[in-house]
C-alpha atoms as a PDB file:
ATOM      1  CA  MET A   1     -38.797  30.630 -12.456  1.00  0.00           C
ATOM      2  CA  MET A   2     -38.366  27.293 -14.238  1.00  0.00           C
ATOM      3  CA  ASN A   3     -35.344  28.553 -16.197  1.00  0.00           C
ATOM      4  CA  GLU A   4     -33.724  29.883 -13.019  1.00  0.00           C
ATOM      5  CA  GLN A   5     -34.172  26.519 -11.323  1.00  0.00           C
ATOM      6  CA  MET A   6     -32.681  24.660 -14.304  1.00  0.00           C
ATOM      7  CA  THR A   7     -29.733  27.076 -14.358  1.00  0.00           C
ATOM      8  CA  GLN A   8     -29.124  26.534 -10.651  1.00  0.00           C
ATOM      9  CA  GLU A   9     -29.286  22.750 -11.087  1.00  0.00           C
ATOM     10  CA  THR A  10     -26.874  22.904 -14.013  1.00  0.00           C
ATOM     11  CA  ASP A  11     -24.508  25.135 -12.052  1.00  0.00           C
ATOM     12  CA  SER A  12     -24.614  22.833  -9.032  1.00  0.00           C
ATOM     13  CA  THR A  13     -23.928  19.721 -11.123  1.00  0.00           C
ATOM     14  CA  HIS A  14     -20.954  21.363 -12.796  1.00  0.00           C
ATOM     15  CA  SER A  15     -19.574  22.971  -9.650  1.00  0.00           C
ATOM     16  CA  HIS A  16     -17.875  19.726  -8.606  1.00  0.00           C
ATOM     17  CA  GLN A  17     -15.662  19.748 -11.689  1.00  0.00           C
ATOM     18  CA  CYS A  18     -12.097  20.490 -10.870  1.00  0.00           C
ATOM     19  CA  GLN A  19     -10.874  23.705 -12.404  1.00  0.00           C
ATOM     20  CA  CYS A  20      -7.285  24.885 -12.339  1.00  0.00           C
ATOM     21  CA  GLY A  21      -6.560  28.313 -13.695  1.00  0.00           C
ATOM     22  CA  ALA A  22      -8.838  30.116 -16.104  1.00  0.00           C
ATOM     23  CA  GLY A  23     -11.380  27.538 -17.223  1.00  0.00           C
ATOM     24  CA  LYS A  24      -8.893  24.697 -17.722  1.00  0.00           C
ATOM     25  CA  LYS A  25      -9.648  21.197 -16.529  1.00  0.00           C
ATOM     26  CA  CYS A  26      -7.353  19.785 -13.892  1.00  0.00           C
ATOM     27  CA  LYS A  27      -4.697  17.419 -15.201  1.00  0.00           C
ATOM     28  CA  CYS A  28      -3.911  15.872 -11.827  1.00  0.00           C
ATOM     29  CA  PRO A  29      -3.553  12.097 -12.206  1.00  0.00           C
ATOM     30  CA  HIS A  30      -5.492  11.219  -9.055  1.00  0.00           C
ATOM     31  CA  HIS A  31      -8.664  12.489 -10.748  1.00  0.00           C
ATOM     32  CA  LYS A  32      -8.316   9.894 -13.503  1.00  0.00           C
ATOM     33  CA  VAL A  33      -7.282   6.706 -11.681  1.00  0.00           C
ATOM     34  CA  ALA A  34     -10.661   5.718 -10.208  1.00  0.00           C
ATOM     35  CA  PRO A  35     -12.672   6.106 -13.448  1.00  0.00           C
ATOM     36  CA  ILE A  36     -10.017   4.219 -15.412  1.00  0.00           C
ATOM     37  CA  ALA A  37      -9.909   1.414 -12.833  1.00  0.00           C
ATOM     38  CA  ILE A  38     -13.703   1.109 -12.829  1.00  0.00           C
ATOM     39  CA  GLY A  39     -13.690   0.951 -16.616  1.00  0.00           C
ATOM     40  CA  LEU A  40     -11.010  -1.737 -16.556  1.00  0.00           C
ATOM     41  CA  ILE A  41     -13.027  -3.751 -14.045  1.00  0.00           C
ATOM     42  CA  GLY A  42     -15.934  -3.635 -16.484  1.00  0.00           C
ATOM     43  CA  VAL A  43     -13.656  -4.777 -19.319  1.00  0.00           C
ATOM     44  CA  VAL A  44     -12.372  -7.668 -17.201  1.00  0.00           C
ATOM     45  CA  PHE A  45     -15.916  -8.873 -16.515  1.00  0.00           C
ATOM     46  CA  LEU A  46     -16.854  -8.457 -20.166  1.00  0.00           C
ATOM     47  CA  LEU A  47     -13.840 -10.510 -21.263  1.00  0.00           C
ATOM     48  CA  GLU A  48     -14.832 -13.194 -18.792  1.00  0.00           C
ATOM     49  CA  ALA A  49     -18.406 -13.174 -20.119  1.00  0.00           C
ATOM     50  CA  PHE A  50     -17.065 -13.842 -23.623  1.00  0.00           C
ATOM     51  CA  SER A  51     -14.767 -16.597 -22.247  1.00  0.00           C
ATOM     52  CA  ILE A  52     -11.670 -14.697 -23.340  1.00  0.00           C
ATOM     53  CA  ILE A  53     -10.208 -14.812 -19.841  1.00  0.00           C
ATOM     54  CA  SER A  54     -10.868 -17.360 -17.128  1.00  0.00           C
ATOM     55  CA  PRO A  55     -12.915 -16.746 -13.983  1.00  0.00           C
ATOM     56  CA  GLU A  56      -9.749 -17.354 -11.944  1.00  0.00           C
ATOM     57  CA  ILE A  57      -8.013 -14.421 -13.628  1.00  0.00           C
ATOM     58  CA  THR A  58     -11.085 -12.238 -13.092  1.00  0.00           C
ATOM     59  CA  ALA A  59     -11.173 -13.211  -9.420  1.00  0.00           C
ATOM     60  CA  ILE A  60      -7.593 -11.937  -9.043  1.00  0.00           C
ATOM     61  CA  VAL A  61      -7.649  -8.850 -11.282  1.00  0.00           C
ATOM     62  CA  TRP A  62     -10.809  -6.982 -10.290  1.00  0.00           C
ATOM     63  CA  PRO A  63     -10.032  -6.692  -6.548  1.00  0.00           C
ATOM     64  CA  ILE A  64      -6.530  -5.440  -7.376  1.00  0.00           C
ATOM     65  CA  LEU A  65      -7.927  -2.739  -9.664  1.00  0.00           C
ATOM     66  CA  LEU A  66     -10.454  -1.751  -7.014  1.00  0.00           C
ATOM     67  CA  ILE A  67      -7.743  -1.514  -4.334  1.00  0.00           C
ATOM     68  CA  ILE A  68      -5.584   0.637  -6.612  1.00  0.00           C
ATOM     69  CA  ALA A  69      -8.477   3.005  -7.319  1.00  0.00           C
ATOM     70  CA  ALA A  70      -9.471   3.276  -3.666  1.00  0.00           C
ATOM     71  CA  GLY A  71      -5.884   3.727  -2.509  1.00  0.00           C
ATOM     72  CA  THR A  72      -5.235   6.455  -5.012  1.00  0.00           C
ATOM     73  CA  LYS A  73      -8.355   8.336  -3.959  1.00  0.00           C
ATOM     74  CA  ALA A  74      -7.763   7.842  -0.242  1.00  0.00           C
ATOM     75  CA  PHE A  75      -4.016   8.393  -0.034  1.00  0.00           C
ATOM     76  CA  GLY A  76      -3.210  10.250  -3.242  1.00  0.00           C
ATOM     77  CA  ARG A  77      -1.595  13.642  -3.243  1.00  0.00           C
ATOM     78  CA  ARG A  78      -4.053  16.480  -3.057  1.00  0.00           C
ATOM     79  CA  CYS A  79      -3.785  19.144  -5.678  1.00  0.00           C
ATOM     80  CA  SER A  80      -4.558  22.798  -5.186  1.00  0.00           C
ATOM     81  CA  CYS A  81      -7.886  22.450  -6.973  1.00  0.00           C
ATOM     82  CA  CYS A  82      -9.366  19.988  -4.497  1.00  0.00           C
END
C-alpha cells in the first residue's frame, strides 16, 4: 500500500512535465523564460548584496525581468504539449 501511494505521488509530480513525442522533453522557449528570469533576478540581488551593482540598477532591472517572465507566460505562444 505504501509503495503504491509513493508511486502515485511520484507519477503525479512528474505528470506536469511537458513531453513532446516519445519521452523527449519539450524544447519550446516559453517553458524556459520564467525560470531563467527568476534566476537572473536572484543574481541581480546577489550582486547588489556584494556591492557589485548599485541599488538603483537593481531597482530598475528586477521589475523588467519579472515583467518579461510574466508576459512570456501570459501571452506566449502555446505549443502542442501544453
